[in-house]
């Protein structure tokens, strides 16, 4: 019996039931369409390397990465890019390039043709882990 793949929302984001732990995050990554799937696996690996004790969950069709005091990172699929969310991004050096309406939050948008700067993302994640987490 084959399982029906998760539905994609109009934004292009996989619709994944909320849940705590690695399993729902891996379900989200598996449902990321096309080139975004490989990107999701790479980002998940970067997070686990930067902070092996990472806490994971999916809420609001968004994989969240955190620690005991809250969340520090998330990703979200759009039709033409994957948006990386750094919850305390305004405190990172250098500051991720895209501003948010949410105070302190910054984004990095990655498109298919972009080269992934894994070293920079890992550095931002290591910095983010040292900052207070965000409760959502």
C-alpha atoms as a PDB file:
ATOM      1  CA  UNK A   1       0.000   0.000   0.000  1.00  0.00           C
ATOM      2  CA  UNK A   2       1.590   3.286  -1.061  1.00  0.00           C
ATOM      3  CA  UNK A   3       1.404   6.355   1.109  1.00  0.00           C
ATOM      4  CA  UNK A   4       0.030   9.581  -0.355  1.00  0.00           C
ATOM      5  CA  UNK A   5       2.726  12.274  -0.432  1.00  0.00           C
ATOM      6  CA  UNK A   6       2.050  15.389   1.645  1.00  0.00           C
ATOM      7  CA  UNK A   7       0.095  18.146  -0.053  1.00  0.00           C
ATOM      8  CA  UNK A   8       1.976  21.291  -1.035  1.00  0.00           C
ATOM      9  CA  UNK A   9       0.424  24.542   0.115  1.00  0.00           C
ATOM     10  CA  UNK A  10      -0.108  27.320  -2.448  1.00  0.00           C
ATOM     11  CA  UNK A  11       3.241  28.809  -1.341  1.00  0.00           C
ATOM     12  CA  UNK A  12       4.992  25.565  -2.311  1.00  0.00           C
ATOM     13  CA  UNK A  13       5.551  24.514   1.314  1.00  0.00           C
ATOM     14  CA  UNK A  14       4.824  20.900   2.356  1.00  0.00           C
ATOM     15  CA  UNK A  15       1.797  20.467   4.628  1.00  0.00           C
ATOM     16  CA  UNK A  16       3.129  18.321   7.478  1.00  0.00           C
ATOM     17  CA  UNK A  17       1.287  17.521  10.716  1.00  0.00           C
ATOM     18  CA  UNK A  18       2.813  19.208  13.726  1.00  0.00           C
ATOM     19  CA  UNK A  19       4.929  17.105  16.016  1.00  0.00           C
ATOM     20  CA  UNK A  20       7.981  17.076  18.244  1.00  0.00           C
ATOM     21  CA  UNK A  21      11.236  15.318  17.438  1.00  0.00           C
ATOM     22  CA  UNK A  22      13.284  14.354  14.415  1.00  0.00           C
ATOM     23  CA  UNK A  23      10.603  12.245  12.688  1.00  0.00           C
ATOM     24  CA  UNK A  24       8.257  15.094  11.649  1.00  0.00           C
ATOM     25  CA  UNK A  25      11.251  17.190  10.537  1.00  0.00           C
ATOM     26  CA  UNK A  26      12.496  14.322   8.370  1.00  0.00           C
ATOM     27  CA  UNK A  27       8.954  13.938   6.929  1.00  0.00           C
ATOM     28  CA  UNK A  28       9.004  17.650   6.049  1.00  0.00           C
ATOM     29  CA  UNK A  29      12.425  17.361   4.405  1.00  0.00           C
ATOM     30  CA  UNK A  30      11.337  14.266   2.445  1.00  0.00           C
ATOM     31  CA  UNK A  31       8.328  16.241   1.157  1.00  0.00           C
ATOM     32  CA  UNK A  32      10.362  19.277   0.062  1.00  0.00           C
ATOM     33  CA  UNK A  33       9.844  19.371  -3.711  1.00  0.00           C
ATOM     34  CA  UNK A  34      12.603  19.048  -6.316  1.00  0.00           C
ATOM     35  CA  UNK A  35      15.996  20.639  -5.615  1.00  0.00           C
ATOM     36  CA  UNK A  36      14.738  21.812  -2.208  1.00  0.00           C
ATOM     37  CA  UNK A  37      14.853  18.229  -0.894  1.00  0.00           C
ATOM     38  CA  UNK A  38      18.647  18.020  -1.177  1.00  0.00           C
ATOM     39  CA  UNK A  39      18.954  21.506   0.315  1.00  0.00           C
ATOM     40  CA  UNK A  40      16.783  20.498   3.279  1.00  0.00           C
ATOM     41  CA  UNK A  41      18.948  17.433   3.955  1.00  0.00           C
ATOM     42  CA  UNK A  42      22.108  19.542   3.775  1.00  0.00           C
ATOM     43  CA  UNK A  43      20.704  22.193   6.124  1.00  0.00           C
ATOM     44  CA  UNK A  44      19.525  19.565   8.620  1.00  0.00           C
ATOM     45  CA  UNK A  45      23.033  18.062   8.616  1.00  0.00           C
ATOM     46  CA  UNK A  46      24.631  21.504   9.106  1.00  0.00           C
ATOM     47  CA  UNK A  47      22.392  22.167  12.121  1.00  0.00           C
ATOM     48  CA  UNK A  48      23.158  18.765  13.681  1.00  0.00           C
ATOM     49  CA  UNK A  49      26.900  19.300  13.191  1.00  0.00           C
ATOM     50  CA  UNK A  50      26.818  22.839  14.615  1.00  0.00           C
ATOM     51  CA  UNK A  51      24.694  21.802  17.608  1.00  0.00           C
ATOM     52  CA  UNK A  52      24.427  18.022  18.156  1.00  0.00           C
ATOM     53  CA  UNK A  53      21.978  18.446  21.076  1.00  0.00           C
ATOM     54  CA  UNK A  54      19.432  20.197  18.808  1.00  0.00           C
ATOM     55  CA  UNK A  55      15.728  19.886  19.587  1.00  0.00           C
ATOM     56  CA  UNK A  56      13.460  19.548  16.544  1.00  0.00           C
ATOM     57  CA  UNK A  57       9.763  19.987  15.853  1.00  0.00           C
ATOM     58  CA  UNK A  58       7.328  20.874  13.091  1.00  0.00           C
ATOM     59  CA  UNK A  59       4.770  23.570  13.866  1.00  0.00           C
ATOM     60  CA  UNK A  60       2.735  25.577  11.333  1.00  0.00           C
ATOM     61  CA  UNK A  61       4.211  23.436   8.508  1.00  0.00           C
ATOM     62  CA  UNK A  62       7.646  24.709   9.487  1.00  0.00           C
ATOM     63  CA  UNK A  63      10.571  22.673  10.820  1.00  0.00           C
ATOM     64  CA  UNK A  64      11.995  24.343  13.916  1.00  0.00           C
ATOM     65  CA  UNK A  65      15.390  23.808  15.517  1.00  0.00           C
ATOM     66  CA  UNK A  66      15.988  24.737  19.109  1.00  0.00           C
ATOM     67  CA  UNK A  67      17.430  24.127  22.529  1.00  0.00           C
ATOM     68  CA  UNK A  68      16.113  24.074  26.078  1.00  0.00           C
ATOM     69  CA  UNK A  69      15.221  27.794  26.165  1.00  0.00           C
ATOM     70  CA  UNK A  70      13.548  28.075  22.747  1.00  0.00           C
ATOM     71  CA  UNK A  71      13.981  28.027  18.971  1.00  0.00           C
ATOM     72  CA  UNK A  72      16.912  29.506  17.048  1.00  0.00           C
ATOM     73  CA  UNK A  73      16.377  28.402  13.420  1.00  0.00           C
ATOM     74  CA  UNK A  74      13.675  27.382  10.950  1.00  0.00           C
ATOM     75  CA  UNK A  75      13.214  26.868   7.225  1.00  0.00           C
ATOM     76  CA  UNK A  76      10.227  27.289   4.925  1.00  0.00           C
ATOM     77  CA  UNK A  77       9.684  26.412   1.257  1.00  0.00           C
ATOM     78  CA  UNK A  78       8.379  28.946  -1.215  1.00  0.00           C
ATOM     79  CA  UNK A  79       7.845  28.270  -4.915  1.00  0.00           C
ATOM     80  CA  UNK A  80      11.194  29.756  -5.974  1.00  0.00           C
ATOM     81  CA  UNK A  81      13.303  29.646  -2.815  1.00  0.00           C
ATOM     82  CA  UNK A  82      13.811  28.229   0.657  1.00  0.00           C
ATOM     83  CA  UNK A  83      13.770  30.803   3.413  1.00  0.00           C
ATOM     84  CA  UNK A  84      16.119  30.238   6.356  1.00  0.00           C
ATOM     85  CA  UNK A  85      14.943  31.969   9.521  1.00  0.00           C
ATOM     86  CA  UNK A  86      17.371  33.001  12.228  1.00  0.00           C
ATOM     87  CA  UNK A  87      15.195  33.924  15.217  1.00  0.00           C
ATOM     88  CA  UNK A  88      17.874  36.210  16.729  1.00  0.00           C
ATOM     89  CA  UNK A  89      19.432  37.029  13.372  1.00  0.00           C
ATOM     90  CA  UNK A  90      19.855  40.744  14.084  1.00  0.00           C
ATOM     91  CA  UNK A  91      22.417  39.735  16.751  1.00  0.00           C
ATOM     92  CA  UNK A  92      24.506  37.615  14.359  1.00  0.00           C
ATOM     93  CA  UNK A  93      27.731  38.791  12.733  1.00  0.00           C
ATOM     94  CA  UNK A  94      27.409  39.362   9.850  1.00  0.00           C
ATOM     95  CA  UNK A  95      23.673  39.937  10.008  1.00  0.00           C
ATOM     96  CA  UNK A  96      21.730  37.683   7.574  1.00  0.00           C
ATOM     97  CA  UNK A  97      20.671  39.809   4.603  1.00  0.00           C
ATOM     98  CA  UNK A  98      16.864  39.909   4.681  1.00  0.00           C
ATOM     99  CA  UNK A  99      14.950  41.897   7.295  1.00  0.00           C
ATOM    100  CA  UNK A 100      11.760  40.692   8.964  1.00  0.00           C
ATOM    101  CA  UNK A 101       8.712  42.406  10.422  1.00  0.00           C
ATOM    102  CA  UNK A 102       9.461  40.376  13.561  1.00  0.00           C
ATOM    103  CA  UNK A 103      11.928  42.190  15.813  1.00  0.00           C
ATOM    104  CA  UNK A 104      15.357  40.530  15.828  1.00  0.00           C
ATOM    105  CA  UNK A 105      14.529  37.968  13.128  1.00  0.00           C
ATOM    106  CA  UNK A 106      16.540  37.870   9.895  1.00  0.00           C
ATOM    107  CA  UNK A 107      16.310  35.651   6.823  1.00  0.00           C
ATOM    108  CA  UNK A 108      18.460  34.147   4.121  1.00  0.00           C
ATOM    109  CA  UNK A 109      16.627  33.169   0.934  1.00  0.00           C
ATOM    110  CA  UNK A 110      18.226  30.402  -1.120  1.00  0.00           C
ATOM    111  CA  UNK A 111      17.276  29.860  -4.755  1.00  0.00           C
ATOM    112  CA  UNK A 112      18.127  26.867  -6.910  1.00  0.00           C
ATOM    113  CA  UNK A 113      20.942  28.695  -8.720  1.00  0.00           C
ATOM    114  CA  UNK A 114      22.551  29.959  -5.483  1.00  0.00           C
ATOM    115  CA  UNK A 115      25.704  28.400  -4.117  1.00  0.00           C
ATOM    116  CA  UNK A 116      25.143  27.282  -0.529  1.00  0.00           C
ATOM    117  CA  UNK A 117      27.695  28.884   1.798  1.00  0.00           C
ATOM    118  CA  UNK A 118      27.708  26.064   4.347  1.00  0.00           C
ATOM    119  CA  UNK A 119      30.526  27.639   6.369  1.00  0.00           C
ATOM    120  CA  UNK A 120      28.582  30.893   6.819  1.00  0.00           C
ATOM    121  CA  UNK A 121      25.365  29.086   7.733  1.00  0.00           C
ATOM    122  CA  UNK A 122      27.218  26.901  10.242  1.00  0.00           C
ATOM    123  CA  UNK A 123      28.841  30.000  11.748  1.00  0.00           C
ATOM    124  CA  UNK A 124      25.450  31.721  12.096  1.00  0.00           C
ATOM    125  CA  UNK A 125      24.027  28.586  13.727  1.00  0.00           C
ATOM    126  CA  UNK A 126      26.895  28.349  16.219  1.00  0.00           C
ATOM    127  CA  UNK A 127      26.346  32.017  17.102  1.00  0.00           C
ATOM    128  CA  UNK A 128      22.567  31.526  17.342  1.00  0.00           C
ATOM    129  CA  UNK A 129      22.934  28.654  19.811  1.00  0.00           C
ATOM    130  CA  UNK A 130      24.791  30.983  22.200  1.00  0.00           C
ATOM    131  CA  UNK A 131      21.903  33.492  22.162  1.00  0.00           C
ATOM    132  CA  UNK A 132      18.626  33.120  24.047  1.00  0.00           C
ATOM    133  CA  UNK A 133      16.116  30.918  22.225  1.00  0.00           C
ATOM    134  CA  UNK A 134      12.746  32.259  21.125  1.00  0.00           C
ATOM    135  CA  UNK A 135       9.490  30.831  22.479  1.00  0.00           C
ATOM    136  CA  UNK A 136       6.750  30.526  19.887  1.00  0.00           C
END
